Amino acid sequence: MLRESHAALKECRKIAVQANECEFYIGEIRAYIRMGIAYDVLSQIDLSIANYKKALAIAKKHHYLKGIASCENNLGLIYWRKNDLKRAIQSFHKAKLVFEKMDDYVNVGPLRTTWG
């Protein structure tokens, strides 16, 4: 599994660079999100957070709501596991607001059931 995770990270880095060169910001955001997931699986939480924040910055720059909501939700999950509940709630709340702005109540639903 370790080898596969490192191979996935290598491919995601390549995709992020190519997407940036082509100005395909959605592909770049997705690559950084996938790197965040891979680093999370490898228990390299700081690198996971850094990649989600990089994706979030690009998503905000381009006003890509789906990317913003996804990054905030994933950051919330990481902060929750780290027992940083204040940050977790802030991230989940930001994700919820963006999902609602998109009229996406399917992805907001799991947040409600998690909290009660």
PDB file of N, CA and C in Angstrom:
ATOM      1  N   MET A   1       0.823  -1.190   0.000  1.00  0.00           N
ATOM      2  CA  MET A   1       0.000   0.000   0.000  1.00  0.00           C
ATOM      3  C   MET A   1       0.874   1.263   0.000  1.00  0.00           C
ATOM      4  N   LEU A   2       1.966   1.230   0.711  1.00  0.00           N
ATOM      5  CA  LEU A   2       2.861   2.374   0.788  1.00  0.00           C
ATOM      6  C   LEU A   2       3.385   2.746  -0.595  1.00  0.00           C
ATOM      7  N   ARG A   3       3.796   1.735  -1.346  1.00  0.00           N
ATOM      8  CA  ARG A   3       4.318   1.967  -2.693  1.00  0.00           C
ATOM      9  C   ARG A   3       3.250   2.587  -3.590  1.00  0.00           C
ATOM     10  N   GLU A   4       2.018   2.056  -3.491  1.00  0.00           N
ATOM     11  CA  GLU A   4       0.932   2.582  -4.317  1.00  0.00           C
ATOM     12  C   GLU A   4       0.614   4.028  -3.953  1.00  0.00           C
ATOM     13  N   SER A   5       0.662   4.349  -2.668  1.00  0.00           N
ATOM     14  CA  SER A   5       0.383   5.718  -2.238  1.00  0.00           C
ATOM     15  C   SER A   5       1.426   6.685  -2.775  1.00  0.00           C
ATOM     16  N   HIS A   6       2.674   6.277  -2.733  1.00  0.00           N
ATOM     17  CA  HIS A   6       3.739   7.142  -3.258  1.00  0.00           C
ATOM     18  C   HIS A   6       3.639   7.284  -4.775  1.00  0.00           C
ATOM     19  N   ALA A   7       3.255   6.220  -5.454  1.00  0.00           N
ATOM     20  CA  ALA A   7       3.062   6.293  -6.909  1.00  0.00           C
ATOM     21  C   ALA A   7       1.897   7.226  -7.237  1.00  0.00           C
ATOM     22  N   ALA A   8       0.844   7.144  -6.452  1.00  0.00           N
ATOM     23  CA  ALA A   8      -0.311   8.020  -6.660  1.00  0.00           C
ATOM     24  C   ALA A   8       0.079   9.477  -6.451  1.00  0.00           C
ATOM     25  N   LEU A   9       0.867   9.744  -5.426  1.00  0.00           N
ATOM     26  CA  LEU A   9       1.316  11.110  -5.167  1.00  0.00           C
ATOM     27  C   LEU A   9       2.148  11.646  -6.332  1.00  0.00           C
ATOM     28  N   LYS A  10       3.009  10.795  -6.866  1.00  0.00           N
ATOM     29  CA  LYS A  10       3.846  11.205  -7.993  1.00  0.00           C
ATOM     30  C   LYS A  10       2.974  11.578  -9.193  1.00  0.00           C
ATOM     31  N   GLU A  11       1.972  10.766  -9.488  1.00  0.00           N
ATOM     32  CA  GLU A  11       1.070  11.043 -10.606  1.00  0.00           C
ATOM     33  C   GLU A  11       0.258  12.314 -10.360  1.00  0.00           C
ATOM     34  N   CYS A  12      -0.200  12.500  -9.128  1.00  0.00           N
ATOM     35  CA  CYS A  12      -0.983  13.697  -8.806  1.00  0.00           C
ATOM     36  C   CYS A  12      -0.143  14.962  -8.956  1.00  0.00           C
ATOM     37  N   ARG A  13       1.115  14.891  -8.558  1.00  0.00           N
ATOM     38  CA  ARG A  13       2.007  16.050  -8.731  1.00  0.00           C
ATOM     39  C   ARG A  13       2.139  16.402 -10.213  1.00  0.00           C
ATOM     40  N   LYS A  14       2.302  15.360 -11.034  1.00  0.00           N
ATOM     41  CA  LYS A  14       2.411  15.560 -12.477  1.00  0.00           C
ATOM     42  C   LYS A  14       1.143  16.210 -13.035  1.00  0.00           C
ATOM     43  N   ILE A  15       0.010  15.711 -12.609  1.00  0.00           N
ATOM     44  CA  ILE A  15      -1.276  16.234 -13.078  1.00  0.00           C
ATOM     45  C   ILE A  15      -1.452  17.687 -12.640  1.00  0.00           C
ATOM     46  N   ALA A  16      -1.066  17.988 -11.396  1.00  0.00           N
ATOM     47  CA  ALA A  16      -1.192  19.370 -10.896  1.00  0.00           C
ATOM     48  C   ALA A  16      -0.358  20.326 -11.740  1.00  0.00           C
ATOM     49  N   VAL A  17       0.856  19.931 -12.069  1.00  0.00           N
ATOM     50  CA  VAL A  17       1.735  20.780 -12.891  1.00  0.00           C
ATOM     51  C   VAL A  17       1.144  20.959 -14.280  1.00  0.00           C
ATOM     52  N   GLN A  18       0.705  19.863 -14.899  1.00  0.00           N
ATOM     53  CA  GLN A  18       0.132  19.942 -16.241  1.00  0.00           C
ATOM     54  C   GLN A  18      -1.141  20.786 -16.262  1.00  0.00           C
ATOM     55  N   ALA A  19      -1.981  20.596 -15.259  1.00  0.00           N
ATOM     56  CA  ALA A  19      -3.229  21.358 -15.186  1.00  0.00           C
ATOM     57  C   ALA A  19      -2.939  22.845 -15.016  1.00  0.00           C
ATOM     58  N   ASN A  20      -1.935  23.157 -14.218  1.00  0.00           N
ATOM     59  CA  ASN A  20      -1.554  24.553 -14.025  1.00  0.00           C
ATOM     60  C   ASN A  20      -1.051  25.158 -15.331  1.00  0.00           C
ATOM     61  N   GLU A  21      -0.214  24.415 -16.039  1.00  0.00           N
ATOM     62  CA  GLU A  21       0.329  24.898 -17.312  1.00  0.00           C
ATOM     63  C   GLU A  21      -0.776  25.153 -18.337  1.00  0.00           C
ATOM     64  N   CYS A  22      -1.813  24.328 -18.305  1.00  0.00           N
ATOM     65  CA  CYS A  22      -2.935  24.465 -19.239  1.00  0.00           C
ATOM     66  C   CYS A  22      -4.016  25.408 -18.715  1.00  0.00           C
ATOM     67  N   GLU A  23      -3.807  25.931 -17.505  1.00  0.00           N
ATOM     68  CA  GLU A  23      -4.784  26.781 -16.838  1.00  0.00           C
ATOM     69  C   GLU A  23      -6.116  26.069 -16.641  1.00  0.00           C
ATOM     70  N   PHE A  24      -6.032  24.773 -16.372  1.00  0.00           N
ATOM     71  CA  PHE A  24      -7.203  23.951 -16.072  1.00  0.00           C
ATOM     72  C   PHE A  24      -7.292  23.832 -14.553  1.00  0.00           C
ATOM     73  N   TYR A  25      -7.849  24.883 -13.938  1.00  0.00           N
ATOM     74  CA  TYR A  25      -7.825  24.969 -12.485  1.00  0.00           C
ATOM     75  C   TYR A  25      -8.601  23.854 -11.793  1.00  0.00           C
ATOM     76  N   ILE A  26      -9.661  23.362 -12.397  1.00  0.00           N
ATOM     77  CA  ILE A  26     -10.429  22.281 -11.763  1.00  0.00           C
ATOM     78  C   ILE A  26      -9.565  21.029 -11.649  1.00  0.00           C
ATOM     79  N   GLY A  27      -8.809  20.706 -12.686  1.00  0.00           N
ATOM     80  CA  GLY A  27      -7.904  19.557 -12.630  1.00  0.00           C
ATOM     81  C   GLY A  27      -6.815  19.741 -11.593  1.00  0.00           C
ATOM     82  N   GLU A  28      -6.322  20.960 -11.480  1.00  0.00           N
ATOM     83  CA  GLU A  28      -5.284  21.252 -10.483  1.00  0.00           C
ATOM     84  C   GLU A  28      -5.844  21.109  -9.066  1.00  0.00           C
ATOM     85  N   ILE A  29      -7.035  21.631  -8.858  1.00  0.00           N
ATOM     86  CA  ILE A  29      -7.682  21.505  -7.541  1.00  0.00           C
ATOM     87  C   ILE A  29      -7.880  20.036  -7.185  1.00  0.00           C
ATOM     88  N   ARG A  30      -8.392  19.275  -8.127  1.00  0.00           N
ATOM     89  CA  ARG A  30      -8.635  17.845  -7.874  1.00  0.00           C
ATOM     90  C   ARG A  30      -7.337  17.105  -7.572  1.00  0.00           C
ATOM     91  N   ALA A  31      -6.262  17.468  -8.255  1.00  0.00           N
ATOM     92  CA  ALA A  31      -4.965  16.818  -8.003  1.00  0.00           C
ATOM     93  C   ALA A  31      -4.498  17.093  -6.570  1.00  0.00           C
ATOM     94  N   TYR A  32      -4.627  18.340  -6.128  1.00  0.00           N
ATOM     95  CA  TYR A  32      -4.212  18.663  -4.760  1.00  0.00           C
ATOM     96  C   TYR A  32      -5.117  18.012  -3.719  1.00  0.00           C
ATOM     97  N   ILE A  33      -6.405  17.904  -4.024  1.00  0.00           N
ATOM     98  CA  ILE A  33      -7.307  17.198  -3.108  1.00  0.00           C
ATOM     99  C   ILE A  33      -6.902  15.736  -3.006  1.00  0.00           C
ATOM    100  N   ARG A  34      -6.595  15.114  -4.137  1.00  0.00           N
ATOM    101  CA  ARG A  34      -6.176  13.707  -4.120  1.00  0.00           C
ATOM    102  C   ARG A  34      -4.859  13.531  -3.363  1.00  0.00           C
ATOM    103  N   MET A  35      -3.956  14.513  -3.488  1.00  0.00           N
ATOM    104  CA  MET A  35      -2.714  14.443  -2.707  1.00  0.00           C
ATOM    105  C   MET A  35      -3.028  14.571  -1.221  1.00  0.00           C
ATOM    106  N   GLY A  36      -3.993  15.417  -0.888  1.00  0.00           N
ATOM    107  CA  GLY A  36      -4.413  15.533   0.514  1.00  0.00           C
ATOM    108  C   GLY A  36      -4.932  14.214   1.047  1.00  0.00           C
ATOM    109  N   ILE A  37      -5.704  13.521   0.233  1.00  0.00           N
ATOM    110  CA  ILE A  37      -6.234  12.213   0.628  1.00  0.00           C
ATOM    111  C   ILE A  37      -5.095  11.209   0.805  1.00  0.00           C
ATOM    112  N   ALA A  38      -4.174  11.173  -0.161  1.00  0.00           N
ATOM    113  CA  ALA A  38      -3.058  10.218  -0.097  1.00  0.00           C
ATOM    114  C   ALA A  38      -2.191  10.469   1.132  1.00  0.00           C
ATOM    115  N   TYR A  39      -1.880  11.730   1.415  1.00  0.00           N
ATOM    116  CA  TYR A  39      -1.079  12.025   2.608  1.00  0.00           C
ATOM    117  C   TYR A  39      -1.834  11.678   3.884  1.00  0.00           C
ATOM    118  N   ASP A  40      -3.143  11.837   3.863  1.00  0.00           N
ATOM    119  CA  ASP A  40      -3.949  11.453   5.018  1.00  0.00           C
ATOM    120  C   ASP A  40      -3.853   9.947   5.248  1.00  0.00           C
ATOM    121  N   VAL A  41      -3.942   9.180   4.168  1.00  0.00           N
ATOM    122  CA  VAL A  41      -3.814   7.715   4.266  1.00  0.00           C
ATOM    123  C   VAL A  41      -2.443   7.323   4.812  1.00  0.00           C
ATOM    124  N   LEU A  42      -1.423   8.098   4.436  1.00  0.00           N
ATOM    125  CA  LEU A  42      -0.059   7.832   4.905  1.00  0.00           C
ATOM    126  C   LEU A  42       0.201   8.405   6.302  1.00  0.00           C
ATOM    127  N   SER A  43      -0.837   8.983   6.907  1.00  0.00           N
ATOM    128  CA  SER A  43      -0.745   9.608   8.235  1.00  0.00           C
ATOM    129  C   SER A  43       0.243  10.759   8.270  1.00  0.00           C
ATOM    130  N   GLN A  44       0.387  11.446   7.154  1.00  0.00           N
ATOM    131  CA  GLN A  44       1.211  12.649   7.089  1.00  0.00           C
ATOM    132  C   GLN A  44       0.248  13.842   7.056  1.00  0.00           C
ATOM    133  N   ILE A  45      -0.329  14.089   8.224  1.00  0.00           N
ATOM    134  CA  ILE A  45      -1.436  15.024   8.352  1.00  0.00           C
ATOM    135  C   ILE A  45      -1.061  16.450   7.941  1.00  0.00           C
ATOM    136  N   ASP A  46       0.130  16.905   8.317  1.00  0.00           N
ATOM    137  CA  ASP A  46       0.530  18.266   7.955  1.00  0.00           C
ATOM    138  C   ASP A  46       0.599  18.447   6.439  1.00  0.00           C
ATOM    139  N   LEU A  47       1.111  17.441   5.732  1.00  0.00           N
ATOM    140  CA  LEU A  47       1.170  17.505   4.273  1.00  0.00           C
ATOM    141  C   LEU A  47      -0.238  17.409   3.676  1.00  0.00           C
ATOM    142  N   SER A  48      -1.100  16.635   4.309  1.00  0.00           N
ATOM    143  CA  SER A  48      -2.479  16.531   3.856  1.00  0.00           C
ATOM    144  C   SER A  48      -3.161  17.890   3.959  1.00  0.00           C
ATOM    145  N   ILE A  49      -3.027  18.528   5.109  1.00  0.00           N
ATOM    146  CA  ILE A  49      -3.633  19.846   5.317  1.00  0.00           C
ATOM    147  C   ILE A  49      -3.064  20.855   4.319  1.00  0.00           C
ATOM    148  N   ALA A  50      -1.754  20.819   4.111  1.00  0.00           N
ATOM    149  CA  ALA A  50      -1.113  21.758   3.181  1.00  0.00           C
ATOM    150  C   ALA A  50      -1.680  21.618   1.773  1.00  0.00           C
ATOM    151  N   ASN A  51      -1.913  20.390   1.334  1.00  0.00           N
ATOM    152  CA  ASN A  51      -2.457  20.181  -0.011  1.00  0.00           C
ATOM    153  C   ASN A  51      -3.909  20.613  -0.114  1.00  0.00           C
ATOM    154  N   TYR A  52      -4.699  20.350   0.924  1.00  0.00           N
ATOM    155  CA  TYR A  52      -6.088  20.827   0.922  1.00  0.00           C
ATOM    156  C   TYR A  52      -6.119  22.352   0.900  1.00  0.00           C
ATOM    157  N   LYS A  53      -5.222  22.987   1.645  1.00  0.00           N
ATOM    158  CA  LYS A  53      -5.184  24.452   1.667  1.00  0.00           C
ATOM    159  C   LYS A  53      -4.737  25.021   0.324  1.00  0.00           C
ATOM    160  N   LYS A  54      -3.824  24.321  -0.345  1.00  0.00           N
ATOM    161  CA  LYS A  54      -3.399  24.754  -1.676  1.00  0.00           C
ATOM    162  C   LYS A  54      -4.581  24.660  -2.644  1.00  0.00           C
ATOM    163  N   ALA A  55      -5.311  23.556  -2.600  1.00  0.00           N
ATOM    164  CA  ALA A  55      -6.490  23.388  -3.448  1.00  0.00           C
ATOM    165  C   ALA A  55      -7.539  24.442  -3.110  1.00  0.00           C
ATOM    166  N   LEU A  56      -7.708  24.710  -1.824  1.00  0.00           N
ATOM    167  CA  LEU A  56      -8.692  25.697  -1.386  1.00  0.00           C
ATOM    168  C   LEU A  56      -8.349  27.087  -1.914  1.00  0.00           C
ATOM    169  N   ALA A  57      -7.083  27.454  -1.866  1.00  0.00           N
ATOM    170  CA  ALA A  57      -6.660  28.768  -2.365  1.00  0.00           C
ATOM    171  C   ALA A  57      -6.968  28.917  -3.858  1.00  0.00           C
ATOM    172  N   ILE A  58      -6.703  27.870  -4.615  1.00  0.00           N
ATOM    173  CA  ILE A  58      -6.980  27.917  -6.065  1.00  0.00           C
ATOM    174  C   ILE A  58      -8.488  27.990  -6.308  1.00  0.00           C
ATOM    175  N   ALA A  59      -9.240  27.202  -5.547  1.00  0.00           N
ATOM    176  CA  ALA A  59     -10.694  27.201  -5.699  1.00  0.00           C
ATOM    177  C   ALA A  59     -11.275  28.574  -5.370  1.00  0.00           C
ATOM    178  N   LYS A  60     -10.764  29.196  -4.320  1.00  0.00           N
ATOM    179  CA  LYS A  60     -11.251  30.537  -3.958  1.00  0.00           C
ATOM    180  C   LYS A  60     -10.884  31.559  -5.035  1.00  0.00           C
ATOM    181  N   LYS A  61      -9.682  31.464  -5.553  1.00  0.00           N
ATOM    182  CA  LYS A  61      -9.226  32.393  -6.592  1.00  0.00           C
ATOM    183  C   LYS A  61     -10.160  32.368  -7.806  1.00  0.00           C
ATOM    184  N   HIS A  62     -10.660  31.162  -8.141  1.00  0.00           N
ATOM    185  CA  HIS A  62     -11.510  30.988  -9.321  1.00  0.00           C
ATOM    186  C   HIS A  62     -12.996  30.909  -8.971  1.00  0.00           C
ATOM    187  N   HIS A  63     -13.328  31.123  -7.709  1.00  0.00           N
ATOM    188  CA  HIS A  63     -14.719  31.074  -7.249  1.00  0.00           C
ATOM    189  C   HIS A  63     -15.379  29.729  -7.602  1.00  0.00           C
ATOM    190  N   TYR A  64     -14.614  28.666  -7.438  1.00  0.00           N
ATOM    191  CA  TYR A  64     -15.100  27.313  -7.747  1.00  0.00           C
ATOM    192  C   TYR A  64     -15.713  26.732  -6.472  1.00  0.00           C
ATOM    193  N   LEU A  65     -17.024  26.902  -6.344  1.00  0.00           N
ATOM    194  CA  LEU A  65     -17.718  26.567  -5.105  1.00  0.00           C
ATOM    195  C   LEU A  65     -17.581  25.099  -4.704  1.00  0.00           C
ATOM    196  N   LYS A  66     -17.695  24.210  -5.671  1.00  0.00           N
ATOM    197  CA  LYS A  66     -17.599  22.781  -5.356  1.00  0.00           C
ATOM    198  C   LYS A  66     -16.232  22.459  -4.736  1.00  0.00           C
ATOM    199  N   GLY A  67     -15.174  23.047  -5.262  1.00  0.00           N
ATOM    200  CA  GLY A  67     -13.837  22.838  -4.727  1.00  0.00           C
ATOM    201  C   GLY A  67     -13.688  23.421  -3.334  1.00  0.00           C
ATOM    202  N   ILE A  68     -14.248  24.603  -3.124  1.00  0.00           N
ATOM    203  CA  ILE A  68     -14.181  25.234  -1.806  1.00  0.00           C
ATOM    204  C   ILE A  68     -14.876  24.361  -0.775  1.00  0.00           C
ATOM    205  N   ALA A  69     -16.083  23.934  -1.081  1.00  0.00           N
ATOM    206  CA  ALA A  69     -16.859  23.120  -0.145  1.00  0.00           C
ATOM    207  C   ALA A  69     -16.158  21.799   0.155  1.00  0.00           C
ATOM    208  N   SER A  70     -15.629  21.172  -0.866  1.00  0.00           N
ATOM    209  CA  SER A  70     -14.941  19.894  -0.698  1.00  0.00           C
ATOM    210  C   SER A  70     -13.710  20.041   0.203  1.00  0.00           C
ATOM    211  N   CYS A  71     -12.913  21.066  -0.061  1.00  0.00           N
ATOM    212  CA  CYS A  71     -11.703  21.282   0.743  1.00  0.00           C
ATOM    213  C   CYS A  71     -12.058  21.582   2.196  1.00  0.00           C
ATOM    214  N   GLU A  72     -13.034  22.453   2.399  1.00  0.00           N
ATOM    215  CA  GLU A  72     -13.430  22.787   3.775  1.00  0.00           C
ATOM    216  C   GLU A  72     -13.958  21.552   4.513  1.00  0.00           C
ATOM    217  N   ASN A  73     -14.742  20.740   3.814  1.00  0.00           N
ATOM    218  CA  ASN A  73     -15.268  19.527   4.434  1.00  0.00           C
ATOM    219  C   ASN A  73     -14.134  18.567   4.805  1.00  0.00           C
ATOM    220  N   ASN A  74     -13.178  18.361   3.880  1.00  0.00           N
ATOM    221  CA  ASN A  74     -12.054  17.463   4.161  1.00  0.00           C
ATOM    222  C   ASN A  74     -11.170  17.997   5.282  1.00  0.00           C
ATOM    223  N   LEU A  75     -10.945  19.307   5.304  1.00  0.00           N
ATOM    224  CA  LEU A  75     -10.175  19.898   6.405  1.00  0.00           C
ATOM    225  C   LEU A  75     -10.912  19.692   7.727  1.00  0.00           C
ATOM    226  N   GLY A  76     -12.228  19.848   7.705  1.00  0.00           N
ATOM    227  CA  GLY A  76     -13.022  19.611   8.914  1.00  0.00           C
ATOM    228  C   GLY A  76     -12.842  18.196   9.438  1.00  0.00           C
ATOM    229  N   LEU A  77     -12.830  17.230   8.533  1.00  0.00           N
ATOM    230  CA  LEU A  77     -12.645  15.834   8.945  1.00  0.00           C
ATOM    231  C   LEU A  77     -11.279  15.611   9.587  1.00  0.00           C
ATOM    232  N   ILE A  78     -10.260  16.224   9.017  1.00  0.00           N
ATOM    233  CA  ILE A  78      -8.910  16.073   9.579  1.00  0.00           C
ATOM    234  C   ILE A  78      -8.822  16.747  10.944  1.00  0.00           C
ATOM    235  N   TYR A  79      -9.325  17.982  11.042  1.00  0.00           N
ATOM    236  CA  TYR A  79      -9.285  18.675  12.333  1.00  0.00           C
ATOM    237  C   TYR A  79     -10.082  17.911  13.389  1.00  0.00           C
ATOM    238  N   TRP A  80     -11.186  17.307  12.964  1.00  0.00           N
ATOM    239  CA  TRP A  80     -12.009  16.519  13.884  1.00  0.00           C
ATOM    240  C   TRP A  80     -11.186  15.362  14.453  1.00  0.00           C
ATOM    241  N   ARG A  81     -10.477  14.645  13.579  1.00  0.00           N
ATOM    242  CA  ARG A  81      -9.652  13.515  14.034  1.00  0.00           C
ATOM    243  C   ARG A  81      -8.490  13.978  14.908  1.00  0.00           C
ATOM    244  N   LYS A  82      -8.008  15.190  14.654  1.00  0.00           N
ATOM    245  CA  LYS A  82      -6.919  15.746  15.461  1.00  0.00           C
ATOM    246  C   LYS A  82      -7.436  16.298  16.795  1.00  0.00           C
ATOM    247  N   ASN A  83      -8.732  16.252  16.984  1.00  0.00           N
ATOM    248  CA  ASN A  83      -9.403  16.765  18.180  1.00  0.00           C
ATOM    249  C   ASN A  83      -9.289  18.290  18.275  1.00  0.00           C
ATOM    250  N   ASP A  84      -9.129  18.938  17.141  1.00  0.00           N
ATOM    251  CA  ASP A  84      -9.129  20.397  17.060  1.00  0.00           C
ATOM    252  C   ASP A  84     -10.560  20.791  16.681  1.00  0.00           C
ATOM    253  N   LEU A  85     -11.433  20.687  17.665  1.00  0.00           N
ATOM    254  CA  LEU A  85     -12.863  20.800  17.392  1.00  0.00           C
ATOM    255  C   LEU A  85     -13.288  22.189  16.934  1.00  0.00           C
ATOM    256  N   LYS A  86     -12.636  23.225  17.427  1.00  0.00           N
ATOM    257  CA  LYS A  86     -12.990  24.576  16.993  1.00  0.00           C
ATOM    258  C   LYS A  86     -12.747  24.742  15.494  1.00  0.00           C
ATOM    259  N   ARG A  87     -11.573  24.326  15.048  1.00  0.00           N
ATOM    260  CA  ARG A  87     -11.277  24.409  13.611  1.00  0.00           C
ATOM    261  C   ARG A  87     -12.188  23.493  12.807  1.00  0.00           C
ATOM    262  N   ALA A  88     -12.454  22.304  13.339  1.00  0.00           N
ATOM    263  CA  ALA A  88     -13.326  21.359  12.637  1.00  0.00           C
ATOM    264  C   ALA A  88     -14.699  21.971  12.401  1.00  0.00           C
ATOM    265  N   ILE A  89     -15.269  22.525  13.435  1.00  0.00           N
ATOM    266  CA  ILE A  89     -16.607  23.115  13.313  1.00  0.00           C
ATOM    267  C   ILE A  89     -16.589  24.296  12.354  1.00  0.00           C
ATOM    268  N   GLN A  90     -15.534  25.105  12.414  1.00  0.00           N
ATOM    269  CA  GLN A  90     -15.434  26.234  11.490  1.00  0.00           C
ATOM    270  C   GLN A  90     -15.385  25.750  10.039  1.00  0.00           C
ATOM    271  N   SER A  91     -14.573  24.730   9.778  1.00  0.00           N
ATOM    272  CA  SER A  91     -14.466  24.200   8.411  1.00  0.00           C
ATOM    273  C   SER A  91     -15.773  23.564   7.950  1.00  0.00           C
ATOM    274  N   PHE A  92     -16.393  22.769   8.835  1.00  0.00           N
ATOM    275  CA  PHE A  92     -17.673  22.156   8.472  1.00  0.00           C
ATOM    276  C   PHE A  92     -18.727  23.225   8.188  1.00  0.00           C
ATOM    277  N   HIS A  93     -18.733  24.276   8.999  1.00  0.00           N
ATOM    278  CA  HIS A  93     -19.712  25.348   8.799  1.00  0.00           C
ATOM    279  C   HIS A  93     -19.494  26.045   7.455  1.00  0.00           C
ATOM    280  N   LYS A  94     -18.231  26.330   7.126  1.00  0.00           N
ATOM    281  CA  LYS A  94     -17.922  26.952   5.829  1.00  0.00           C
ATOM    282  C   LYS A  94     -18.368  26.045   4.689  1.00  0.00           C
ATOM    283  N   ALA A  95     -18.092  24.749   4.809  1.00  0.00           N
ATOM    284  CA  ALA A  95     -18.514  23.795   3.774  1.00  0.00           C
ATOM    285  C   ALA A  95     -20.029  23.801   3.634  1.00  0.00           C
ATOM    286  N   LYS A  96     -20.726  23.780   4.743  1.00  0.00           N
ATOM    287  CA  LYS A  96     -22.191  23.761   4.736  1.00  0.00           C
ATOM    288  C   LYS A  96     -22.742  24.995   4.023  1.00  0.00           C
ATOM    289  N   LEU A  97     -22.195  26.162   4.326  1.00  0.00           N
ATOM    290  CA  LEU A  97     -22.671  27.394   3.692  1.00  0.00           C
ATOM    291  C   LEU A  97     -22.475  27.363   2.179  1.00  0.00           C
ATOM    292  N   VAL A  98     -21.343  26.833   1.735  1.00  0.00           N
ATOM    293  CA  VAL A  98     -21.071  26.782   0.295  1.00  0.00           C
ATOM    294  C   VAL A  98     -21.969  25.743  -0.378  1.00  0.00           C
ATOM    295  N   PHE A  99     -22.123  24.562   0.257  1.00  0.00           N
ATOM    296  CA  PHE A  99     -23.024  23.565  -0.324  1.00  0.00           C
ATOM    297  C   PHE A  99     -24.435  24.135  -0.449  1.00  0.00           C
ATOM    298  N   GLU A 100     -24.894  24.856   0.573  1.00  0.00           N
ATOM    299  CA  GLU A 100     -26.227  25.446   0.509  1.00  0.00           C
ATOM    300  C   GLU A 100     -26.309  26.509  -0.587  1.00  0.00           C
ATOM    301  N   LYS A 101     -25.241  27.281  -0.775  1.00  0.00           N
ATOM    302  CA  LYS A 101     -25.212  28.293  -1.832  1.00  0.00           C
ATOM    303  C   LYS A 101     -25.391  27.631  -3.206  1.00  0.00           C
ATOM    304  N   MET A 102     -24.911  26.389  -3.331  1.00  0.00           N
ATOM    305  CA  MET A 102     -25.042  25.654  -4.587  1.00  0.00           C
ATOM    306  C   MET A 102     -26.347  24.862  -4.648  1.00  0.00           C
ATOM    307  N   ASP A 103     -27.192  24.997  -3.624  1.00  0.00           N
ATOM    308  CA  ASP A 103     -28.420  24.199  -3.505  1.00  0.00           C
ATOM    309  C   ASP A 103     -28.114  22.704  -3.502  1.00  0.00           C
ATOM    310  N   ASP A 104     -26.997  22.346  -2.908  1.00  0.00           N
ATOM    311  CA  ASP A 104     -26.577  20.943  -2.814  1.00  0.00           C
ATOM    312  C   ASP A 104     -26.847  20.462  -1.390  1.00  0.00           C
ATOM    313  N   TYR A 105     -28.017  19.895  -1.198  1.00  0.00           N
ATOM    314  CA  TYR A 105     -28.385  19.432   0.136  1.00  0.00           C
ATOM    315  C   TYR A 105     -28.065  17.961   0.346  1.00  0.00           C
ATOM    316  N   VAL A 106     -27.625  17.300  -0.694  1.00  0.00           N
ATOM    317  CA  VAL A 106     -27.190  15.903  -0.565  1.00  0.00           C
ATOM    318  C   VAL A 106     -25.893  15.845   0.232  1.00  0.00           C
ATOM    319  N   ASN A 107     -24.953  16.720  -0.094  1.00  0.00           N
ATOM    320  CA  ASN A 107     -23.663  16.726   0.589  1.00  0.00           C
ATOM    321  C   ASN A 107     -23.716  17.437   1.928  1.00  0.00           C
ATOM    322  N   VAL A 108     -24.701  18.295   2.141  1.00  0.00           N
ATOM    323  CA  VAL A 108     -24.856  18.952   3.440  1.00  0.00           C
ATOM    324  C   VAL A 108     -25.443  17.971   4.442  1.00  0.00           C
ATOM    325  N   GLY A 109     -26.294  17.068   3.986  1.00  0.00           N
ATOM    326  CA  GLY A 109     -26.975  16.125   4.874  1.00  0.00           C
ATOM    327  C   GLY A 109     -26.070  15.372   5.822  1.00  0.00           C
ATOM    328  N   PRO A 110     -24.965  14.786   5.314  1.00  0.00           N
ATOM    329  CA  PRO A 110     -24.093  14.028   6.219  1.00  0.00           C
ATOM    330  C   PRO A 110     -23.505  14.891   7.343  1.00  0.00           C
ATOM    331  N   LEU A 111     -23.340  16.184   7.108  1.00  0.00           N
ATOM    332  CA  LEU A 111     -22.838  17.057   8.161  1.00  0.00           C
ATOM    333  C   LEU A 111     -23.838  17.142   9.299  1.00  0.00           C
ATOM    334  N   ARG A 112     -25.119  17.216   8.962  1.00  0.00           N
ATOM    335  CA  ARG A 112     -26.144  17.303   9.995  1.00  0.00           C
ATOM    336  C   ARG A 112     -26.199  16.027  10.824  1.00  0.00           C
ATOM    337  N   THR A 113     -26.108  14.870  10.180  1.00  0.00           N
ATOM    338  CA  THR A 113     -26.200  13.627  10.933  1.00  0.00           C
ATOM    339  C   THR A 113     -24.946  13.398  11.795  1.00  0.00           C
ATOM    340  N   THR A 114     -23.819  13.926  11.374  1.00  0.00           N
ATOM    341  CA  THR A 114     -22.595  13.793  12.156  1.00  0.00           C
ATOM    342  C   THR A 114     -22.729  14.558  13.457  1.00  0.00           C
ATOM    343  N   TRP A 115     -23.425  15.665  13.417  1.00  0.00           N
ATOM    344  CA  TRP A 115     -23.486  16.545  14.585  1.00  0.00           C
ATOM    345  C   TRP A 115     -24.711  16.304  15.432  1.00  0.00           C
ATOM    346  N   GLY A 116     -25.561  15.402  15.048  1.00  0.00           N
ATOM    347  CA  GLY A 116     -26.685  15.172  15.930  1.00  0.00           C
ATOM    348  C   GLY A 116     -27.885  14.868  15.160  1.00  0.00           C
TER     349      GLY A 116
END
